[in-house]
Amino acid sequence: MTSLASREGGAASNRENPASKDQARRQAHKQTKADRERKVQLVGEAVLRRVDRGEWDEAEFRRMMDDALSRPADRALFDLD
């Protein structure tokens, strides 16, 4: 007697494994998150470099950070309190 998959021409084996779809989705999410974290780091480095070189007004930078940050630990990094 033949199995159902062999009678159907192997159709059951051609279906995507839901676990592998979930794994691929998780991996894509991790990569997107890692890409975003890297972009944030690079933007931060570029902005700080410009402030250090005097290409961006430090007072303007501090106002921007004062407006953007609310957590005490984050504000302390920039001596905002």
PDB file of N, CA and C in Angstrom:
ATOM      1  N   MET A   1       0.842  -1.179   0.000  1.00  0.00           N
ATOM      2  CA  MET A   1       0.000   0.000   0.000  1.00  0.00           C
ATOM      3  C   MET A   1       0.885   1.239   0.000  1.00  0.00           C
ATOM      4  N   THR A   2       0.505   2.244  -0.770  1.00  0.00           N
ATOM      5  CA  THR A   2       1.297   3.467  -0.879  1.00  0.00           C
ATOM      6  C   THR A   2       0.769   4.514   0.086  1.00  0.00           C
ATOM      7  N   SER A   3       1.655   5.424   0.450  1.00  0.00           N
ATOM      8  CA  SER A   3       1.245   6.476   1.379  1.00  0.00           C
ATOM      9  C   SER A   3       0.442   7.540   0.637  1.00  0.00           C
ATOM     10  N   LEU A   4      -0.266   8.342   1.396  1.00  0.00           N
ATOM     11  CA  LEU A   4      -1.072   9.418   0.826  1.00  0.00           C
ATOM     12  C   LEU A   4      -0.192  10.398   0.058  1.00  0.00           C
ATOM     13  N   ALA A   5       0.965  10.739   0.607  1.00  0.00           N
ATOM     14  CA  ALA A   5       1.860  11.690  -0.056  1.00  0.00           C
ATOM     15  C   ALA A   5       2.326  11.157  -1.399  1.00  0.00           C
ATOM     16  N   SER A   6       2.629   9.870  -1.468  1.00  0.00           N
ATOM     17  CA  SER A   6       3.111   9.337  -2.746  1.00  0.00           C
ATOM     18  C   SER A   6       1.975   9.242  -3.754  1.00  0.00           C
ATOM     19  N   ARG A   7       0.751   8.977  -3.310  1.00  0.00           N
ATOM     20  CA  ARG A   7      -0.396   8.933  -4.224  1.00  0.00           C
ATOM     21  C   ARG A   7      -0.723  10.315  -4.763  1.00  0.00           C
ATOM     22  N   GLU A   8      -0.453  11.361  -3.963  1.00  0.00           N
ATOM     23  CA  GLU A   8      -0.744  12.730  -4.388  1.00  0.00           C
ATOM     24  C   GLU A   8       0.443  13.347  -5.113  1.00  0.00           C
ATOM     25  N   GLY A   9       1.399  12.549  -5.445  1.00  0.00           N
ATOM     26  CA  GLY A   9       2.554  13.078  -6.154  1.00  0.00           C
ATOM     27  C   GLY A   9       3.488  13.867  -5.262  1.00  0.00           C
ATOM     28  N   GLY A  10       3.498  13.572  -3.965  1.00  0.00           N
ATOM     29  CA  GLY A  10       4.405  14.255  -3.052  1.00  0.00           C
ATOM     30  C   GLY A  10       3.927  15.631  -2.646  1.00  0.00           C
ATOM     31  N   ALA A  11       2.662  15.927  -2.803  1.00  0.00           N
ATOM     32  CA  ALA A  11       2.137  17.259  -2.502  1.00  0.00           C
ATOM     33  C   ALA A  11       2.378  17.644  -1.052  1.00  0.00           C
ATOM     34  N   ALA A  12       2.287  16.700  -0.146  1.00  0.00           N
ATOM     35  CA  ALA A  12       2.477  17.017   1.263  1.00  0.00           C
ATOM     36  C   ALA A  12       3.904  17.484   1.523  1.00  0.00           C
ATOM     37  N   SER A  13       4.859  16.949   0.801  1.00  0.00           N
ATOM     38  CA  SER A  13       6.244  17.346   1.027  1.00  0.00           C
ATOM     39  C   SER A  13       6.563  18.689   0.377  1.00  0.00           C
ATOM     40  N   ASN A  14       5.719  19.173  -0.519  1.00  0.00           N
ATOM     41  CA  ASN A  14       5.957  20.451  -1.184  1.00  0.00           C
ATOM     42  C   ASN A  14       5.446  21.636  -0.374  1.00  0.00           C
ATOM     43  N   ARG A  15       4.642  21.381   0.632  1.00  0.00           N
ATOM     44  CA  ARG A  15       4.118  22.468   1.461  1.00  0.00           C
ATOM     45  C   ARG A  15       5.230  23.030   2.326  1.00  0.00           C
ATOM     46  N   GLU A  16       5.149  24.368   2.555  1.00  0.00           N
ATOM     47  CA  GLU A  16       6.147  24.995   3.418  1.00  0.00           C
ATOM     48  C   GLU A  16       5.885  24.611   4.857  1.00  0.00           C
ATOM     49  N   ASN A  17       6.942  24.400   5.573  1.00  0.00           N
ATOM     50  CA  ASN A  17       6.872  24.078   6.983  1.00  0.00           C
ATOM     51  C   ASN A  17       6.552  25.364   7.750  1.00  0.00           C
ATOM     52  N   PRO A  18       5.439  25.399   8.497  1.00  0.00           N
ATOM     53  CA  PRO A  18       5.094  26.614   9.245  1.00  0.00           C
ATOM     54  C   PRO A  18       6.196  27.032  10.213  1.00  0.00           C
ATOM     55  N   ALA A  19       6.911  26.068  10.776  1.00  0.00           N
ATOM     56  CA  ALA A  19       7.995  26.396  11.700  1.00  0.00           C
ATOM     57  C   ALA A  19       9.112  27.144  10.980  1.00  0.00           C
ATOM     58  N   SER A  20       9.412  26.748   9.746  1.00  0.00           N
ATOM     59  CA  SER A  20      10.474  27.440   9.016  1.00  0.00           C
ATOM     60  C   SER A  20      10.025  28.842   8.601  1.00  0.00           C
ATOM     61  N   LYS A  21       8.727  29.024   8.327  1.00  0.00           N
ATOM     62  CA  LYS A  21       8.204  30.362   8.022  1.00  0.00           C
ATOM     63  C   LYS A  21       8.339  31.267   9.243  1.00  0.00           C
ATOM     64  N   ASP A  22       7.995  30.727  10.420  1.00  0.00           N
ATOM     65  CA  ASP A  22       8.128  31.500  11.654  1.00  0.00           C
ATOM     66  C   ASP A  22       9.586  31.852  11.911  1.00  0.00           C
ATOM     67  N   GLN A  23      10.462  30.890  11.681  1.00  0.00           N
ATOM     68  CA  GLN A  23      11.888  31.125  11.893  1.00  0.00           C
ATOM     69  C   GLN A  23      12.397  32.208  10.937  1.00  0.00           C
ATOM     70  N   ALA A  24      11.980  32.153   9.697  1.00  0.00           N
ATOM     71  CA  ALA A  24      12.393  33.162   8.716  1.00  0.00           C
ATOM     72  C   ALA A  24      11.854  34.537   9.105  1.00  0.00           C
ATOM     73  N   ARG A  25      10.619  34.586   9.579  1.00  0.00           N
ATOM     74  CA  ARG A  25      10.020  35.855  10.006  1.00  0.00           C
ATOM     75  C   ARG A  25      10.768  36.426  11.216  1.00  0.00           C
ATOM     76  N   ARG A  26      11.103  35.549  12.171  1.00  0.00           N
ATOM     77  CA  ARG A  26      11.859  36.000  13.349  1.00  0.00           C
ATOM     78  C   ARG A  26      13.236  36.517  12.944  1.00  0.00           C
ATOM     79  N   GLN A  27      13.885  35.802  12.032  1.00  0.00           N
ATOM     80  CA  GLN A  27      15.210  36.219  11.575  1.00  0.00           C
ATOM     81  C   GLN A  27      15.139  37.565  10.863  1.00  0.00           C
ATOM     82  N   ALA A  28      14.120  37.757  10.041  1.00  0.00           N
ATOM     83  CA  ALA A  28      13.953  39.032   9.336  1.00  0.00           C
ATOM     84  C   ALA A  28      13.715  40.161  10.334  1.00  0.00           C
ATOM     85  N   HIS A  29      12.925  39.891  11.373  1.00  0.00           N
ATOM     86  CA  HIS A  29      12.662  40.896  12.405  1.00  0.00           C
ATOM     87  C   HIS A  29      13.957  41.244  13.144  1.00  0.00           C
ATOM     88  N   LYS A  30      14.745  40.233  13.488  1.00  0.00           N
ATOM     89  CA  LYS A  30      16.020  40.465  14.173  1.00  0.00           C
ATOM     90  C   LYS A  30      16.954  41.309  13.312  1.00  0.00           C
ATOM     91  N   GLN A  31      16.994  41.011  12.018  1.00  0.00           N
ATOM     92  CA  GLN A  31      17.873  41.756  11.113  1.00  0.00           C
ATOM     93  C   GLN A  31      17.416  43.198  10.989  1.00  0.00           C
ATOM     94  N   THR A  32      16.105  43.414  10.886  1.00  0.00           N
ATOM     95  CA  THR A  32      15.569  44.769  10.805  1.00  0.00           C
ATOM     96  C   THR A  32      15.915  45.551  12.065  1.00  0.00           C
ATOM     97  N   LYS A  33      15.769  44.909  13.215  1.00  0.00           N
ATOM     98  CA  LYS A  33      16.093  45.557  14.486  1.00  0.00           C
ATOM     99  C   LYS A  33      17.584  45.884  14.562  1.00  0.00           C
ATOM    100  N   ALA A  34      18.426  44.950  14.160  1.00  0.00           N
ATOM    101  CA  ALA A  34      19.875  45.175  14.170  1.00  0.00           C
ATOM    102  C   ALA A  34      20.258  46.305  13.216  1.00  0.00           C
ATOM    103  N   ASP A  35      19.622  46.345  12.047  1.00  0.00           N
ATOM    104  CA  ASP A  35      19.893  47.415  11.081  1.00  0.00           C
ATOM    105  C   ASP A  35      19.522  48.771  11.669  1.00  0.00           C
ATOM    106  N   ARG A  36      18.370  48.831  12.334  1.00  0.00           N
ATOM    107  CA  ARG A  36      17.933  50.097  12.938  1.00  0.00           C
ATOM    108  C   ARG A  36      18.893  50.534  14.041  1.00  0.00           C
ATOM    109  N   GLU A  37      19.305  49.603  14.891  1.00  0.00           N
ATOM    110  CA  GLU A  37      20.241  49.938  15.968  1.00  0.00           C
ATOM    111  C   GLU A  37      21.550  50.471  15.399  1.00  0.00           C
ATOM    112  N   ARG A  38      22.019  49.870  14.321  1.00  0.00           N
ATOM    113  CA  ARG A  38      23.259  50.321  13.679  1.00  0.00           C
ATOM    114  C   ARG A  38      23.080  51.722  13.100  1.00  0.00           C
ATOM    115  N   LYS A  39      21.937  51.988  12.482  1.00  0.00           N
ATOM    116  CA  LYS A  39      21.671  53.324  11.940  1.00  0.00           C
ATOM    117  C   LYS A  39      21.653  54.367  13.051  1.00  0.00           C
ATOM    118  N   VAL A  40      21.004  54.036  14.164  1.00  0.00           N
ATOM    119  CA  VAL A  40      20.941  54.963  15.295  1.00  0.00           C
ATOM    120  C   VAL A  40      22.350  55.273  15.788  1.00  0.00           C
ATOM    121  N   GLN A  41      23.171  54.251  15.903  1.00  0.00           N
ATOM    122  CA  GLN A  41      24.550  54.440  16.352  1.00  0.00           C
ATOM    123  C   GLN A  41      25.323  55.343  15.381  1.00  0.00           C
ATOM    124  N   LEU A  42      25.190  55.090  14.098  1.00  0.00           N
ATOM    125  CA  LEU A  42      25.917  55.882  13.107  1.00  0.00           C
ATOM    126  C   LEU A  42      25.458  57.334  13.071  1.00  0.00           C
ATOM    127  N   VAL A  43      24.149  57.550  13.190  1.00  0.00           N
ATOM    128  CA  VAL A  43      23.630  58.921  13.221  1.00  0.00           C
ATOM    129  C   VAL A  43      24.158  59.639  14.460  1.00  0.00           C
ATOM    130  N   GLY A  44      24.125  58.957  15.593  1.00  0.00           N
ATOM    131  CA  GLY A  44      24.639  59.550  16.824  1.00  0.00           C
ATOM    132  C   GLY A  44      26.103  59.933  16.713  1.00  0.00           C
ATOM    133  N   GLU A  45      26.897  59.043  16.133  1.00  0.00           N
ATOM    134  CA  GLU A  45      28.320  59.337  15.950  1.00  0.00           C
ATOM    135  C   GLU A  45      28.518  60.549  15.046  1.00  0.00           C
ATOM    136  N   ALA A  46      27.745  60.627  13.972  1.00  0.00           N
ATOM    137  CA  ALA A  46      27.873  61.751  13.040  1.00  0.00           C
ATOM    138  C   ALA A  46      27.488  63.068  13.710  1.00  0.00           C
ATOM    139  N   VAL A  47      26.406  63.059  14.476  1.00  0.00           N
ATOM    140  CA  VAL A  47      25.955  64.281  15.147  1.00  0.00           C
ATOM    141  C   VAL A  47      26.977  64.718  16.187  1.00  0.00           C
ATOM    142  N   LEU A  48      27.440  63.792  17.014  1.00  0.00           N
ATOM    143  CA  LEU A  48      28.422  64.149  18.043  1.00  0.00           C
ATOM    144  C   LEU A  48      29.722  64.662  17.419  1.00  0.00           C
ATOM    145  N   ARG A  49      30.123  64.075  16.316  1.00  0.00           N
ATOM    146  CA  ARG A  49      31.332  64.532  15.616  1.00  0.00           C
ATOM    147  C   ARG A  49      31.156  65.979  15.156  1.00  0.00           C
ATOM    148  N   ARG A  50      29.980  66.290  14.624  1.00  0.00           N
ATOM    149  CA  ARG A  50      29.732  67.668  14.162  1.00  0.00           C
ATOM    150  C   ARG A  50      29.707  68.653  15.331  1.00  0.00           C
ATOM    151  N   VAL A  51      29.133  68.240  16.456  1.00  0.00           N
ATOM    152  CA  VAL A  51      29.126  69.106  17.638  1.00  0.00           C
ATOM    153  C   VAL A  51      30.563  69.322  18.107  1.00  0.00           C
ATOM    154  N   ASP A  52      31.351  68.253  18.167  1.00  0.00           N
ATOM    155  CA  ASP A  52      32.748  68.357  18.607  1.00  0.00           C
ATOM    156  C   ASP A  52      33.566  69.274  17.700  1.00  0.00           C
ATOM    157  N   ARG A  53      33.305  69.232  16.406  1.00  0.00           N
ATOM    158  CA  ARG A  53      34.047  70.058  15.440  1.00  0.00           C
ATOM    159  C   ARG A  53      33.531  71.494  15.369  1.00  0.00           C
ATOM    160  N   GLY A  54      32.427  71.757  16.055  1.00  0.00           N
ATOM    161  CA  GLY A  54      31.841  73.091  16.005  1.00  0.00           C
ATOM    162  C   GLY A  54      30.986  73.324  14.769  1.00  0.00           C
ATOM    163  N   GLU A  55      30.680  72.252  14.033  1.00  0.00           N
ATOM    164  CA  GLU A  55      29.849  72.365  12.832  1.00  0.00           C
ATOM    165  C   GLU A  55      28.361  72.419  13.175  1.00  0.00           C
ATOM    166  N   TRP A  56      28.026  72.013  14.372  1.00  0.00           N
ATOM    167  CA  TRP A  56      26.647  72.067  14.850  1.00  0.00           C
ATOM    168  C   TRP A  56      26.699  72.786  16.198  1.00  0.00           C
ATOM    169  N   ASP A  57      25.886  73.792  16.352  1.00  0.00           N
ATOM    170  CA  ASP A  57      25.867  74.588  17.571  1.00  0.00           C
ATOM    171  C   ASP A  57      25.534  73.712  18.776  1.00  0.00           C
ATOM    172  N   GLU A  58      26.392  73.749  19.785  1.00  0.00           N
ATOM    173  CA  GLU A  58      26.190  72.896  20.955  1.00  0.00           C
ATOM    174  C   GLU A  58      24.908  73.256  21.704  1.00  0.00           C
ATOM    175  N   ALA A  59      24.590  74.535  21.787  1.00  0.00           N
ATOM    176  CA  ALA A  59      23.362  74.949  22.471  1.00  0.00           C
ATOM    177  C   ALA A  59      22.132  74.397  21.747  1.00  0.00           C
ATOM    178  N   GLU A  60      22.170  74.422  20.416  1.00  0.00           N
ATOM    179  CA  GLU A  60      21.061  73.867  19.631  1.00  0.00           C
ATOM    180  C   GLU A  60      20.946  72.357  19.866  1.00  0.00           C
ATOM    181  N   PHE A  61      22.090  71.695  19.894  1.00  0.00           N
ATOM    182  CA  PHE A  61      22.113  70.253  20.158  1.00  0.00           C
ATOM    183  C   PHE A  61      21.520  69.948  21.534  1.00  0.00           C
ATOM    184  N   ARG A  62      21.919  70.715  22.539  1.00  0.00           N
ATOM    185  CA  ARG A  62      21.420  70.484  23.902  1.00  0.00           C
ATOM    186  C   ARG A  62      19.912  70.736  23.984  1.00  0.00           C
ATOM    187  N   ARG A  63      19.415  71.759  23.274  1.00  0.00           N
ATOM    188  CA  ARG A  63      17.963  72.013  23.249  1.00  0.00           C
ATOM    189  C   ARG A  63      17.230  70.826  22.617  1.00  0.00           C
ATOM    190  N   MET A  64      17.790  70.322  21.528  1.00  0.00           N
ATOM    191  CA  MET A  64      17.178  69.172  20.859  1.00  0.00           C
ATOM    192  C   MET A  64      17.125  67.972  21.810  1.00  0.00           C
ATOM    193  N   MET A  65      18.222  67.702  22.498  1.00  0.00           N
ATOM    194  CA  MET A  65      18.272  66.563  23.411  1.00  0.00           C
ATOM    195  C   MET A  65      17.352  66.797  24.611  1.00  0.00           C
ATOM    196  N   ASP A  66      17.289  68.025  25.094  1.00  0.00           N
ATOM    197  CA  ASP A  66      16.404  68.355  26.209  1.00  0.00           C
ATOM    198  C   ASP A  66      14.952  68.082  25.839  1.00  0.00           C
ATOM    199  N   ASP A  67      14.576  68.416  24.611  1.00  0.00           N
ATOM    200  CA  ASP A  67      13.213  68.160  24.135  1.00  0.00           C
ATOM    201  C   ASP A  67      12.954  66.669  23.914  1.00  0.00           C
ATOM    202  N   ALA A  68      13.976  65.941  23.499  1.00  0.00           N
ATOM    203  CA  ALA A  68      13.793  64.543  23.092  1.00  0.00           C
ATOM    204  C   ALA A  68      13.857  63.540  24.239  1.00  0.00           C
ATOM    205  N   LEU A  69      14.571  63.865  25.294  1.00  0.00           N
ATOM    206  CA  LEU A  69      14.808  62.877  26.354  1.00  0.00           C
ATOM    207  C   LEU A  69      13.962  63.153  27.584  1.00  0.00           C
ATOM    208  N   SER A  70      13.366  62.096  28.122  1.00  0.00           N
ATOM    209  CA  SER A  70      12.558  62.250  29.333  1.00  0.00           C
ATOM    210  C   SER A  70      13.049  61.363  30.476  1.00  0.00           C
ATOM    211  N   ARG A  71      13.666  60.248  30.167  1.00  0.00           N
ATOM    212  CA  ARG A  71      14.138  59.343  31.224  1.00  0.00           C
ATOM    213  C   ARG A  71      15.332  59.960  31.948  1.00  0.00           C
ATOM    214  N   PRO A  72      15.306  59.969  33.281  1.00  0.00           N
ATOM    215  CA  PRO A  72      16.401  60.577  34.051  1.00  0.00           C
ATOM    216  C   PRO A  72      17.788  60.039  33.688  1.00  0.00           C
ATOM    217  N   ALA A  73      17.906  58.741  33.482  1.00  0.00           N
ATOM    218  CA  ALA A  73      19.217  58.165  33.145  1.00  0.00           C
ATOM    219  C   ALA A  73      19.714  58.684  31.795  1.00  0.00           C
ATOM    220  N   ASP A  74      18.800  58.834  30.838  1.00  0.00           N
ATOM    221  CA  ASP A  74      19.182  59.352  29.522  1.00  0.00           C
ATOM    222  C   ASP A  74      19.580  60.823  29.616  1.00  0.00           C
ATOM    223  N   ARG A  75      18.803  61.590  30.376  1.00  0.00           N
ATOM    224  CA  ARG A  75      19.089  63.012  30.534  1.00  0.00           C
ATOM    225  C   ARG A  75      20.418  63.231  31.248  1.00  0.00           C
ATOM    226  N   ALA A  76      20.740  62.351  32.192  1.00  0.00           N
ATOM    227  CA  ALA A  76      21.998  62.467  32.932  1.00  0.00           C
ATOM    228  C   ALA A  76      23.207  62.294  32.006  1.00  0.00           C
ATOM    229  N   LEU A  77      23.074  61.469  30.975  1.00  0.00           N
ATOM    230  CA  LEU A  77      24.183  61.279  30.027  1.00  0.00           C
ATOM    231  C   LEU A  77      24.592  62.583  29.357  1.00  0.00           C
ATOM    232  N   PHE A  78      23.641  63.492  29.220  1.00  0.00           N
ATOM    233  CA  PHE A  78      23.900  64.762  28.548  1.00  0.00           C
ATOM    234  C   PHE A  78      23.891  65.936  29.531  1.00  0.00           C
ATOM    235  N   ASP A  79      23.965  65.637  30.831  1.00  0.00           N
ATOM    236  CA  ASP A  79      23.967  66.667  31.883  1.00  0.00           C
ATOM    237  C   ASP A  79      22.819  67.650  31.702  1.00  0.00           C
ATOM    238  N   LEU A  80      21.614  67.112  31.507  1.00  0.00           N
ATOM    239  CA  LEU A  80      20.453  67.966  31.270  1.00  0.00           C
ATOM    240  C   LEU A  80      19.680  68.297  32.540  1.00  0.00           C
ATOM    241  N   ASP A  81      20.012  67.671  33.638  1.00  0.00           N
ATOM    242  CA  ASP A  81      19.308  67.990  34.894  1.00  0.00           C
ATOM    243  C   ASP A  81      20.272  68.430  35.956  1.00  0.00           C
TER     244      ASP A  81
END
